[in-house]
């Protein structure tokens, strides 16, 4: 292991410890893209209904961590905090005054999972009811 110079120690004292991919961490609320299970934009988190996919992923990945954007109102975040508490998922409200991100919610692991599609595009029901099959004229007449 390389011994730190006085200059490196001073720089870390002034600016904080060195971290990998700082721009990516600012964008994804303190985590890396490769660790993300699912993400919602601020506008999606602000909707009145919750996204059932988020709760499904919380159940599927019990060791995950929920990151919420602290620049949003707590009213919008509280519904997801309740779901996380119910599923025993730790959560963190991340506030970064120097950088604003478009993400409002990120569910991530503490290791890389490299999921290709992380954004939920639309709010679909958790369980879809199968479409009723229409009965024909003879089936209705003969009650089949």
N, C-alpha and C. Protein backbone atom coordinates (compact mmCIF):
# COMPACT_ATOMS: atom_id res chain seq x y z
N UNK A 1 0.84 -1.17 0.00
CA UNK A 1 0.00 0.00 0.00
C UNK A 1 0.89 1.23 0.00
N UNK A 2 0.56 2.18 -0.85
CA UNK A 2 1.35 3.40 -1.02
C UNK A 2 1.14 4.35 0.16
N UNK A 3 2.22 4.91 0.65
CA UNK A 3 2.14 5.86 1.75
C UNK A 3 1.71 7.22 1.21
N UNK A 4 0.77 7.87 1.89
CA UNK A 4 0.26 9.15 1.45
C UNK A 4 1.26 10.27 1.70
N UNK A 5 1.28 11.21 0.77
CA UNK A 5 2.14 12.38 0.95
C UNK A 5 1.38 13.42 1.78
N UNK A 6 2.10 14.41 2.24
CA UNK A 6 1.51 15.49 3.03
C UNK A 6 0.46 16.23 2.20
N UNK A 7 0.74 16.43 0.92
CA UNK A 7 -0.19 17.12 0.02
C UNK A 7 -1.51 16.35 -0.10
N UNK A 8 -1.44 15.02 -0.24
CA UNK A 8 -2.65 14.20 -0.34
C UNK A 8 -3.48 14.26 0.94
N UNK A 9 -2.82 14.23 2.07
CA UNK A 9 -3.50 14.30 3.36
C UNK A 9 -4.21 15.64 3.50
N UNK A 10 -3.53 16.73 3.12
CA UNK A 10 -4.13 18.07 3.19
C UNK A 10 -5.35 18.17 2.25
N UNK A 11 -5.22 17.66 1.04
CA UNK A 11 -6.32 17.71 0.08
C UNK A 11 -7.53 16.93 0.59
N UNK A 12 -7.29 15.78 1.18
CA UNK A 12 -8.40 15.00 1.73
C UNK A 12 -9.01 15.68 2.94
N UNK A 13 -8.22 16.38 3.71
CA UNK A 13 -8.73 17.14 4.85
C UNK A 13 -9.61 18.29 4.41
N UNK A 14 -9.26 18.92 3.31
CA UNK A 14 -10.03 20.06 2.80
C UNK A 14 -11.28 19.60 2.05
N UNK A 15 -11.13 18.64 1.14
CA UNK A 15 -12.21 18.25 0.25
C UNK A 15 -12.91 16.96 0.66
N UNK A 16 -12.48 16.29 1.67
CA UNK A 16 -13.07 15.01 2.06
C UNK A 16 -12.32 13.86 1.41
N UNK A 17 -12.64 12.63 1.82
CA UNK A 17 -11.93 11.47 1.27
C UNK A 17 -12.22 11.28 -0.21
N UNK A 18 -11.26 10.67 -0.90
CA UNK A 18 -11.43 10.38 -2.32
C UNK A 18 -12.50 9.32 -2.50
N UNK A 19 -13.33 9.48 -3.53
CA UNK A 19 -14.33 8.46 -3.81
C UNK A 19 -14.36 8.17 -5.31
N UNK A 20 -14.79 6.97 -5.63
CA UNK A 20 -14.85 6.59 -7.04
C UNK A 20 -16.09 7.18 -7.70
N UNK A 21 -15.97 7.61 -8.93
CA UNK A 21 -17.05 8.13 -9.75
C UNK A 21 -17.94 9.15 -9.02
N UNK A 22 -17.40 10.28 -8.60
CA UNK A 22 -18.20 11.25 -7.84
C UNK A 22 -19.38 11.82 -8.62
N UNK A 23 -19.24 12.04 -9.94
CA UNK A 23 -20.35 12.56 -10.73
C UNK A 23 -21.51 11.57 -10.78
N UNK A 24 -21.17 10.31 -10.95
CA UNK A 24 -22.19 9.27 -10.99
C UNK A 24 -22.89 9.15 -9.64
N UNK A 25 -22.14 9.27 -8.55
CA UNK A 25 -22.73 9.20 -7.22
C UNK A 25 -23.67 10.39 -6.96
N UNK A 26 -23.32 11.56 -7.45
CA UNK A 26 -24.20 12.72 -7.29
C UNK A 26 -25.49 12.53 -8.07
N UNK A 27 -25.38 11.99 -9.26
CA UNK A 27 -26.55 11.78 -10.12
C UNK A 27 -27.49 10.74 -9.53
N UNK A 28 -26.95 9.65 -8.99
CA UNK A 28 -27.75 8.54 -8.49
C UNK A 28 -27.88 8.54 -6.97
N UNK A 29 -27.99 9.72 -6.36
CA UNK A 29 -28.27 9.89 -4.93
C UNK A 29 -27.29 9.15 -4.02
N UNK A 30 -26.03 9.15 -4.39
CA UNK A 30 -25.00 8.59 -3.53
C UNK A 30 -24.60 7.16 -3.83
N UNK A 31 -25.20 6.55 -4.81
CA UNK A 31 -24.82 5.18 -5.16
C UNK A 31 -24.35 5.14 -6.61
N UNK A 32 -23.90 3.98 -7.04
CA UNK A 32 -23.41 3.80 -8.40
C UNK A 32 -24.47 3.15 -9.28
N UNK A 33 -24.43 3.43 -10.56
CA UNK A 33 -25.41 2.93 -11.53
C UNK A 33 -25.48 1.41 -11.54
N UNK A 34 -24.34 0.77 -11.40
CA UNK A 34 -24.28 -0.70 -11.47
C UNK A 34 -24.97 -1.39 -10.30
N UNK A 35 -25.28 -0.65 -9.23
CA UNK A 35 -25.92 -1.22 -8.05
C UNK A 35 -27.44 -1.05 -8.03
N UNK A 36 -27.98 -0.29 -8.96
CA UNK A 36 -29.39 0.10 -8.91
C UNK A 36 -30.31 -1.02 -9.40
N UNK A 37 -31.36 -1.25 -8.61
CA UNK A 37 -32.40 -2.22 -8.96
C UNK A 37 -33.49 -1.50 -9.75
N UNK A 38 -33.96 -0.39 -9.20
CA UNK A 38 -35.03 0.38 -9.83
C UNK A 38 -34.89 1.85 -9.44
N UNK A 39 -35.33 2.73 -10.36
CA UNK A 39 -35.25 4.17 -10.11
C UNK A 39 -36.52 4.85 -10.59
N UNK A 40 -36.92 5.91 -9.88
CA UNK A 40 -38.06 6.73 -10.28
C UNK A 40 -37.61 8.17 -10.40
N UNK A 41 -38.16 8.88 -11.35
CA UNK A 41 -37.88 10.31 -11.50
C UNK A 41 -38.67 11.08 -10.46
N UNK A 42 -38.30 12.34 -10.24
CA UNK A 42 -39.00 13.17 -9.26
C UNK A 42 -40.49 13.27 -9.56
N UNK A 43 -40.82 13.44 -10.85
CA UNK A 43 -42.22 13.58 -11.23
C UNK A 43 -43.01 12.31 -10.92
N UNK A 44 -42.37 11.16 -11.03
CA UNK A 44 -43.03 9.89 -10.73
C UNK A 44 -43.26 9.74 -9.22
N UNK A 45 -42.29 10.16 -8.42
CA UNK A 45 -42.42 10.07 -6.96
C UNK A 45 -43.51 11.03 -6.48
N UNK A 46 -43.67 12.16 -7.15
CA UNK A 46 -44.66 13.16 -6.76
C UNK A 46 -46.09 12.75 -7.07
N UNK A 47 -46.30 11.72 -7.88
CA UNK A 47 -47.65 11.25 -8.18
C UNK A 47 -48.31 10.74 -6.91
N UNK A 48 -49.65 10.80 -6.87
CA UNK A 48 -50.37 10.40 -5.67
C UNK A 48 -50.31 8.90 -5.42
N UNK A 49 -50.39 8.11 -6.48
CA UNK A 49 -50.33 6.66 -6.33
C UNK A 49 -48.88 6.20 -6.30
N UNK A 50 -48.65 5.11 -5.57
CA UNK A 50 -47.31 4.54 -5.53
C UNK A 50 -47.13 3.60 -6.71
N UNK A 51 -45.89 3.34 -7.04
CA UNK A 51 -45.57 2.38 -8.08
C UNK A 51 -45.43 1.00 -7.42
N UNK A 52 -46.32 0.06 -7.73
CA UNK A 52 -46.26 -1.25 -7.08
C UNK A 52 -44.98 -2.03 -7.41
N UNK A 53 -44.33 -1.67 -8.52
CA UNK A 53 -43.09 -2.35 -8.89
C UNK A 53 -42.01 -2.13 -7.82
N UNK A 54 -42.02 -0.94 -7.19
CA UNK A 54 -41.02 -0.62 -6.17
C UNK A 54 -41.18 -1.58 -4.99
N UNK A 55 -42.42 -1.76 -4.54
CA UNK A 55 -42.66 -2.68 -3.42
C UNK A 55 -42.31 -4.12 -3.81
N UNK A 56 -42.61 -4.50 -5.04
CA UNK A 56 -42.28 -5.85 -5.50
C UNK A 56 -40.76 -6.08 -5.45
N UNK A 57 -39.99 -5.08 -5.89
CA UNK A 57 -38.53 -5.21 -5.84
C UNK A 57 -38.01 -5.21 -4.41
N UNK A 58 -38.67 -4.49 -3.51
CA UNK A 58 -38.26 -4.51 -2.10
C UNK A 58 -38.41 -5.91 -1.53
N UNK A 59 -39.47 -6.59 -1.91
CA UNK A 59 -39.69 -7.96 -1.44
C UNK A 59 -38.72 -8.93 -2.10
N UNK A 60 -38.41 -8.67 -3.36
CA UNK A 60 -37.51 -9.54 -4.12
C UNK A 60 -36.05 -9.40 -3.67
N UNK A 61 -35.66 -8.18 -3.25
CA UNK A 61 -34.29 -7.91 -2.79
C UNK A 61 -34.34 -7.40 -1.35
N UNK A 62 -34.45 -8.30 -0.36
CA UNK A 62 -34.59 -7.85 1.03
C UNK A 62 -33.37 -7.13 1.60
N UNK A 63 -32.21 -7.27 1.01
CA UNK A 63 -31.01 -6.59 1.50
C UNK A 63 -30.74 -5.26 0.82
N UNK A 64 -31.73 -4.75 0.10
CA UNK A 64 -31.53 -3.51 -0.66
C UNK A 64 -31.61 -2.28 0.26
N UNK A 65 -31.33 -1.12 -0.32
CA UNK A 65 -31.34 0.15 0.40
C UNK A 65 -32.08 1.17 -0.46
N UNK A 66 -32.96 1.95 0.17
CA UNK A 66 -33.77 2.94 -0.54
C UNK A 66 -33.15 4.32 -0.35
N UNK A 67 -32.86 4.99 -1.47
CA UNK A 67 -32.34 6.35 -1.45
C UNK A 67 -33.43 7.27 -1.96
N UNK A 68 -33.75 8.32 -1.20
CA UNK A 68 -34.79 9.27 -1.58
C UNK A 68 -34.19 10.66 -1.71
N UNK A 69 -34.69 11.44 -2.66
CA UNK A 69 -34.17 12.78 -2.93
C UNK A 69 -34.70 13.74 -1.87
N UNK A 70 -33.80 14.32 -1.08
CA UNK A 70 -34.17 15.22 0.01
C UNK A 70 -34.65 16.58 -0.44
N UNK A 71 -34.50 16.91 -1.72
CA UNK A 71 -34.98 18.20 -2.20
C UNK A 71 -36.49 18.18 -2.47
N UNK A 72 -37.09 17.00 -2.39
CA UNK A 72 -38.54 16.87 -2.59
C UNK A 72 -39.25 16.99 -1.25
N UNK A 73 -40.54 17.29 -1.29
CA UNK A 73 -41.29 17.43 -0.04
C UNK A 73 -41.47 16.06 0.61
N UNK A 74 -41.54 16.06 1.93
CA UNK A 74 -41.66 14.80 2.65
C UNK A 74 -43.01 14.13 2.37
N UNK A 75 -44.02 14.90 2.02
CA UNK A 75 -45.32 14.33 1.66
C UNK A 75 -45.18 13.33 0.53
N UNK A 76 -44.37 13.68 -0.46
CA UNK A 76 -44.16 12.79 -1.61
C UNK A 76 -43.33 11.56 -1.24
N UNK A 77 -42.40 11.72 -0.32
CA UNK A 77 -41.49 10.63 0.03
C UNK A 77 -42.08 9.68 1.06
N UNK A 78 -42.99 10.18 1.90
CA UNK A 78 -43.47 9.40 3.05
C UNK A 78 -44.12 8.08 2.66
N UNK A 79 -44.83 8.04 1.53
CA UNK A 79 -45.48 6.79 1.14
C UNK A 79 -44.45 5.69 0.85
N UNK A 80 -43.31 6.09 0.31
CA UNK A 80 -42.25 5.10 0.03
C UNK A 80 -41.47 4.75 1.30
N UNK A 81 -41.37 5.70 2.22
CA UNK A 81 -40.73 5.42 3.51
C UNK A 81 -41.55 4.38 4.27
N UNK A 82 -42.88 4.51 4.21
CA UNK A 82 -43.77 3.55 4.89
C UNK A 82 -43.61 2.15 4.29
N UNK A 83 -43.55 2.07 2.98
CA UNK A 83 -43.38 0.77 2.32
C UNK A 83 -42.04 0.15 2.70
N UNK A 84 -41.00 0.98 2.72
CA UNK A 84 -39.66 0.49 3.08
C UNK A 84 -39.65 -0.02 4.53
N UNK A 85 -40.29 0.71 5.42
CA UNK A 85 -40.35 0.30 6.83
C UNK A 85 -41.12 -1.01 6.96
N UNK A 86 -42.22 -1.12 6.23
CA UNK A 86 -43.04 -2.34 6.27
C UNK A 86 -42.24 -3.55 5.78
N UNK A 87 -41.40 -3.35 4.77
CA UNK A 87 -40.60 -4.44 4.20
C UNK A 87 -39.22 -4.56 4.83
N UNK A 88 -38.97 -3.81 5.90
CA UNK A 88 -37.69 -3.83 6.64
C UNK A 88 -36.51 -3.50 5.74
N UNK A 89 -36.70 -2.46 4.89
CA UNK A 89 -35.65 -1.97 4.01
C UNK A 89 -35.15 -0.65 4.60
N UNK A 90 -33.83 -0.53 4.74
CA UNK A 90 -33.26 0.73 5.23
C UNK A 90 -33.42 1.80 4.18
N UNK A 91 -33.60 3.04 4.64
CA UNK A 91 -33.75 4.15 3.69
C UNK A 91 -32.90 5.34 4.15
N UNK A 92 -32.51 6.14 3.17
CA UNK A 92 -31.72 7.34 3.41
C UNK A 92 -32.30 8.46 2.57
N UNK A 93 -32.49 9.62 3.19
CA UNK A 93 -32.92 10.80 2.45
C UNK A 93 -31.66 11.60 2.15
N UNK A 94 -31.35 11.73 0.86
CA UNK A 94 -30.10 12.33 0.40
C UNK A 94 -30.38 13.77 -0.04
N UNK A 95 -29.68 14.72 0.55
CA UNK A 95 -29.80 16.12 0.17
C UNK A 95 -28.44 16.61 -0.29
N UNK A 96 -28.38 17.05 -1.54
CA UNK A 96 -27.15 17.59 -2.09
C UNK A 96 -27.47 18.97 -2.65
N UNK A 97 -27.11 20.00 -1.91
CA UNK A 97 -27.45 21.36 -2.31
C UNK A 97 -26.62 21.86 -3.49
N UNK A 98 -25.47 21.26 -3.73
CA UNK A 98 -24.62 21.72 -4.83
C UNK A 98 -24.97 21.08 -6.18
N UNK A 99 -25.72 19.99 -6.17
CA UNK A 99 -26.06 19.30 -7.42
C UNK A 99 -27.49 18.80 -7.34
N UNK A 100 -28.29 19.11 -8.35
CA UNK A 100 -29.67 18.64 -8.40
C UNK A 100 -29.77 17.53 -9.44
N UNK A 101 -30.44 16.47 -9.08
CA UNK A 101 -30.61 15.33 -9.97
C UNK A 101 -32.08 15.15 -10.32
N UNK A 102 -32.35 14.49 -11.43
CA UNK A 102 -33.73 14.26 -11.85
C UNK A 102 -34.36 13.07 -11.15
N UNK A 103 -33.56 12.28 -10.42
CA UNK A 103 -34.08 11.09 -9.75
C UNK A 103 -34.67 11.44 -8.39
N UNK A 104 -35.81 10.83 -8.09
CA UNK A 104 -36.48 11.06 -6.81
C UNK A 104 -36.36 9.87 -5.88
N UNK A 105 -36.20 8.67 -6.45
CA UNK A 105 -36.13 7.45 -5.66
C UNK A 105 -35.21 6.46 -6.36
N UNK A 106 -34.37 5.82 -5.57
CA UNK A 106 -33.49 4.77 -6.11
C UNK A 106 -33.43 3.64 -5.09
N UNK A 107 -33.69 2.43 -5.57
CA UNK A 107 -33.56 1.23 -4.75
C UNK A 107 -32.32 0.51 -5.26
N UNK A 108 -31.35 0.30 -4.37
CA UNK A 108 -30.07 -0.26 -4.81
C UNK A 108 -29.53 -1.27 -3.81
N UNK A 109 -28.62 -2.08 -4.28
CA UNK A 109 -27.90 -3.03 -3.44
C UNK A 109 -26.55 -2.41 -3.07
N UNK A 110 -25.82 -3.05 -2.17
CA UNK A 110 -24.49 -2.54 -1.83
C UNK A 110 -23.39 -3.22 -2.63
N UNK A 111 -23.79 -3.93 -3.67
CA UNK A 111 -22.84 -4.54 -4.61
C UNK A 111 -23.42 -4.43 -6.02
N UNK A 112 -22.61 -4.66 -7.01
CA UNK A 112 -23.03 -4.50 -8.40
C UNK A 112 -23.97 -5.62 -8.83
N UNK A 113 -25.08 -5.23 -9.49
CA UNK A 113 -25.99 -6.22 -10.07
C UNK A 113 -26.14 -6.00 -11.57
N UNK A 114 -25.68 -4.86 -12.07
CA UNK A 114 -25.66 -4.54 -13.51
C UNK A 114 -26.99 -4.81 -14.20
N UNK A 115 -28.06 -4.24 -13.69
CA UNK A 115 -29.37 -4.37 -14.31
C UNK A 115 -29.45 -3.39 -15.46
N UNK A 116 -29.89 -3.86 -16.62
CA UNK A 116 -29.87 -3.02 -17.81
C UNK A 116 -30.92 -1.91 -17.76
N UNK A 117 -32.16 -2.25 -17.46
CA UNK A 117 -33.25 -1.26 -17.44
C UNK A 117 -33.63 -0.96 -15.99
N UNK A 118 -33.38 0.27 -15.54
CA UNK A 118 -33.67 0.61 -14.15
C UNK A 118 -34.87 1.53 -13.99
N UNK A 119 -35.22 2.27 -15.03
CA UNK A 119 -36.34 3.21 -14.93
C UNK A 119 -37.67 2.52 -15.16
N UNK A 120 -38.65 2.86 -14.33
CA UNK A 120 -40.00 2.37 -14.54
C UNK A 120 -40.68 3.39 -15.44
N UNK A 121 -41.24 2.92 -16.54
CA UNK A 121 -41.81 3.85 -17.51
C UNK A 121 -43.26 4.20 -17.22
N UNK A 122 -44.05 3.25 -16.72
CA UNK A 122 -45.44 3.60 -16.41
C UNK A 122 -45.91 2.84 -15.18
N UNK A 123 -46.94 3.40 -14.55
CA UNK A 123 -47.49 2.83 -13.33
C UNK A 123 -48.52 1.77 -13.70
N UNK A 124 -48.10 0.50 -13.70
CA UNK A 124 -49.02 -0.57 -14.02
C UNK A 124 -49.42 -1.28 -12.73
N UNK A 125 -50.63 -1.81 -12.67
CA UNK A 125 -51.06 -2.50 -11.45
C UNK A 125 -50.17 -3.69 -11.15
N UNK A 126 -50.06 -4.01 -9.87
CA UNK A 126 -49.19 -5.11 -9.44
C UNK A 126 -49.69 -6.44 -9.98
N UNK A 127 -50.98 -6.64 -9.92
CA UNK A 127 -51.54 -7.87 -10.46
C UNK A 127 -52.61 -7.49 -11.47
N UNK A 128 -52.44 -7.96 -12.66
CA UNK A 128 -53.40 -7.65 -13.71
C UNK A 128 -54.44 -8.76 -13.75
N UNK A 129 -55.72 -8.35 -13.82
CA UNK A 129 -56.80 -9.31 -13.91
C UNK A 129 -56.88 -9.81 -15.35
N UNK A 130 -57.06 -11.11 -15.52
CA UNK A 130 -57.19 -11.61 -16.89
C UNK A 130 -58.48 -11.08 -17.51
N UNK A 131 -58.43 -10.81 -18.78
CA UNK A 131 -59.60 -10.29 -19.49
C UNK A 131 -60.68 -11.36 -19.54
N UNK A 132 -61.92 -10.95 -19.27
CA UNK A 132 -63.03 -11.90 -19.32
C UNK A 132 -63.29 -12.31 -20.76
N UNK A 133 -63.48 -13.57 -20.93
CA UNK A 133 -63.77 -14.09 -22.26
C UNK A 133 -65.27 -13.95 -22.51
N UNK A 134 -65.61 -13.31 -23.62
CA UNK A 134 -67.02 -13.12 -23.93
C UNK A 134 -67.61 -14.45 -24.36
N UNK A 135 -68.83 -14.67 -23.85
CA UNK A 135 -69.54 -15.89 -24.22
C UNK A 135 -70.30 -15.64 -25.51
N UNK A 136 -70.35 -16.65 -26.32
CA UNK A 136 -71.10 -16.56 -27.57
C UNK A 136 -72.59 -16.70 -27.32
N UNK A 137 -73.36 -16.54 -28.35
CA UNK A 137 -74.81 -16.60 -28.27
C UNK A 137 -75.29 -17.96 -27.77
N UNK A 138 -74.73 -19.06 -28.33
CA UNK A 138 -75.17 -20.39 -27.92
C UNK A 138 -74.77 -20.71 -26.49
N UNK A 139 -73.62 -20.24 -26.05
CA UNK A 139 -73.17 -20.48 -24.68
C UNK A 139 -74.10 -19.78 -23.70
N UNK A 140 -74.56 -18.58 -24.04
CA UNK A 140 -75.48 -17.88 -23.17
C UNK A 140 -76.85 -18.56 -23.14
N UNK A 141 -77.28 -19.05 -24.29
CA UNK A 141 -78.59 -19.71 -24.37
C UNK A 141 -78.56 -21.03 -23.59
N UNK A 142 -77.50 -21.82 -23.80
CA UNK A 142 -77.43 -23.13 -23.17
C UNK A 142 -76.65 -23.11 -21.87
N UNK A 143 -76.28 -21.93 -21.39
CA UNK A 143 -75.60 -21.71 -20.09
C UNK A 143 -74.39 -22.59 -19.92
N UNK A 144 -73.46 -22.47 -20.83
CA UNK A 144 -72.20 -23.22 -20.74
C UNK A 144 -71.15 -22.37 -20.17
